[in-house]
Amino acid sequence: MKNTATPIFPGAASLVNSTCSFEAFYAKLYANAPAVAWTLDADQDRRTALEEFFAKSPEERQSTVDAWAA
């Protein structure tokens, strides 16, 4: 997938094109930014949304990011 992430979300391309599962991403998040991971633990809706995002194909993820920027 080409890097089309909008400049509004400059880090989105790495998430859009990631081959990691949500579980792998979450483990890395805990290892590198535990405070951020804890905020997801405290907000089940945000965690669920992120899980759903990772369950999508890269094309679907890009569409989601594009919708956020619209």
C-alpha atoms as a PDB file:
ATOM      1  CA  MET A   1       0.000   0.000   0.000  1.00  0.00           C
ATOM      2  CA  LYS A   2       1.399   3.392  -0.847  1.00  0.00           C
ATOM      3  CA  ASN A   3       1.971   5.951   1.858  1.00  0.00           C
ATOM      4  CA  THR A   4      -1.067   8.187   1.520  1.00  0.00           C
ATOM      5  CA  ALA A   5      -1.663   9.027   5.171  1.00  0.00           C
ATOM      6  CA  THR A   6      -2.848  12.557   5.547  1.00  0.00           C
ATOM      7  CA  PRO A   7      -0.457  15.145   7.044  1.00  0.00           C
ATOM      8  CA  ILE A   8      -3.077  15.733   9.748  1.00  0.00           C
ATOM      9  CA  PHE A   9      -2.046  12.326  11.132  1.00  0.00           C
ATOM     10  CA  PRO A  10       1.656  12.081  10.237  1.00  0.00           C
ATOM     11  CA  GLY A  11       2.204   8.836  12.188  1.00  0.00           C
ATOM     12  CA  ALA A  12      -0.783   7.114  10.646  1.00  0.00           C
ATOM     13  CA  ALA A  13       1.156   5.572   7.750  1.00  0.00           C
ATOM     14  CA  SER A  14       3.032   3.274  10.106  1.00  0.00           C
ATOM     15  CA  LEU A  15      -0.265   2.056  11.577  1.00  0.00           C
ATOM     16  CA  VAL A  16      -1.996   1.808   8.211  1.00  0.00           C
ATOM     17  CA  ASN A  17       0.798  -0.297   6.749  1.00  0.00           C
ATOM     18  CA  SER A  18       1.644  -2.294   9.871  1.00  0.00           C
ATOM     19  CA  THR A  19       1.825  -6.061   9.628  1.00  0.00           C
ATOM     20  CA  CYS A  20       1.563  -6.366  13.420  1.00  0.00           C
ATOM     21  CA  SER A  21      -1.464  -7.824  15.087  1.00  0.00           C
ATOM     22  CA  PHE A  22      -3.176  -5.756  17.731  1.00  0.00           C
ATOM     23  CA  GLU A  23      -1.669  -8.034  20.368  1.00  0.00           C
ATOM     24  CA  ALA A  24       1.870  -7.443  19.065  1.00  0.00           C
ATOM     25  CA  PHE A  25       1.260  -3.693  18.823  1.00  0.00           C
ATOM     26  CA  TYR A  26      -0.147  -3.591  22.350  1.00  0.00           C
ATOM     27  CA  ALA A  27       2.817  -5.526  23.754  1.00  0.00           C
ATOM     28  CA  LYS A  28       5.218  -3.073  22.107  1.00  0.00           C
ATOM     29  CA  LEU A  29       3.143  -0.163  23.367  1.00  0.00           C
ATOM     30  CA  TYR A  30       3.376  -1.497  26.921  1.00  0.00           C
ATOM     31  CA  ALA A  31       7.131  -1.962  26.551  1.00  0.00           C
ATOM     32  CA  ASN A  32       7.807   1.468  25.057  1.00  0.00           C
ATOM     33  CA  ALA A  33       5.009   3.729  26.317  1.00  0.00           C
ATOM     34  CA  PRO A  34       3.296   2.131  29.295  1.00  0.00           C
ATOM     35  CA  ALA A  35       1.466   5.316  30.262  1.00  0.00           C
ATOM     36  CA  VAL A  36      -0.238   5.368  26.864  1.00  0.00           C
ATOM     37  CA  ALA A  37      -1.122   1.681  27.173  1.00  0.00           C
ATOM     38  CA  TRP A  38      -2.607   2.334  30.604  1.00  0.00           C
ATOM     39  CA  THR A  39      -4.879   5.008  29.132  1.00  0.00           C
ATOM     40  CA  LEU A  40      -6.196   2.381  26.700  1.00  0.00           C
ATOM     41  CA  ASP A  41      -6.733  -0.015  29.589  1.00  0.00           C
ATOM     42  CA  ALA A  42      -8.791   2.664  31.317  1.00  0.00           C
ATOM     43  CA  ASP A  43     -10.914   3.404  28.232  1.00  0.00           C
ATOM     44  CA  GLN A  44     -12.376   0.199  26.824  1.00  0.00           C
ATOM     45  CA  ASP A  45     -14.093   2.023  23.950  1.00  0.00           C
ATOM     46  CA  ARG A  46     -10.771   3.408  22.670  1.00  0.00           C
ATOM     47  CA  ARG A  47      -9.086   0.033  23.062  1.00  0.00           C
ATOM     48  CA  THR A  48     -11.900  -1.687  21.171  1.00  0.00           C
ATOM     49  CA  ALA A  49     -11.691   0.903  18.388  1.00  0.00           C
ATOM     50  CA  LEU A  50      -7.950   0.268  18.073  1.00  0.00           C
ATOM     51  CA  GLU A  51      -8.496  -3.494  18.004  1.00  0.00           C
ATOM     52  CA  GLU A  52     -11.059  -3.029  15.236  1.00  0.00           C
ATOM     53  CA  PHE A  53      -8.649  -0.764  13.338  1.00  0.00           C
ATOM     54  CA  PHE A  54      -5.925  -3.428  13.417  1.00  0.00           C
ATOM     55  CA  ALA A  55      -8.402  -6.078  12.248  1.00  0.00           C
ATOM     56  CA  LYS A  56      -8.918  -4.149   8.982  1.00  0.00           C
ATOM     57  CA  SER A  57      -6.904  -4.476   5.787  1.00  0.00           C
ATOM     58  CA  PRO A  58      -4.401  -1.702   5.002  1.00  0.00           C
ATOM     59  CA  GLU A  59      -6.843  -0.298   2.441  1.00  0.00           C
ATOM     60  CA  GLU A  60      -9.648  -0.199   5.000  1.00  0.00           C
ATOM     61  CA  ARG A  61      -7.306   1.374   7.548  1.00  0.00           C
ATOM     62  CA  GLN A  62      -6.391   4.085   5.047  1.00  0.00           C
ATOM     63  CA  SER A  63     -10.071   4.782   4.415  1.00  0.00           C
ATOM     64  CA  THR A  64     -10.580   5.108   8.162  1.00  0.00           C
ATOM     65  CA  VAL A  65      -7.694   7.572   8.487  1.00  0.00           C
ATOM     66  CA  ASP A  66      -9.015   9.531   5.516  1.00  0.00           C
ATOM     67  CA  ALA A  67     -12.444   9.694   7.184  1.00  0.00           C
ATOM     68  CA  TRP A  68     -10.865  11.068  10.370  1.00  0.00           C
ATOM     69  CA  ALA A  69      -9.313  13.869   8.332  1.00  0.00           C
ATOM     70  CA  ALA A  70     -12.520  14.719   6.493  1.00  0.00           C
END
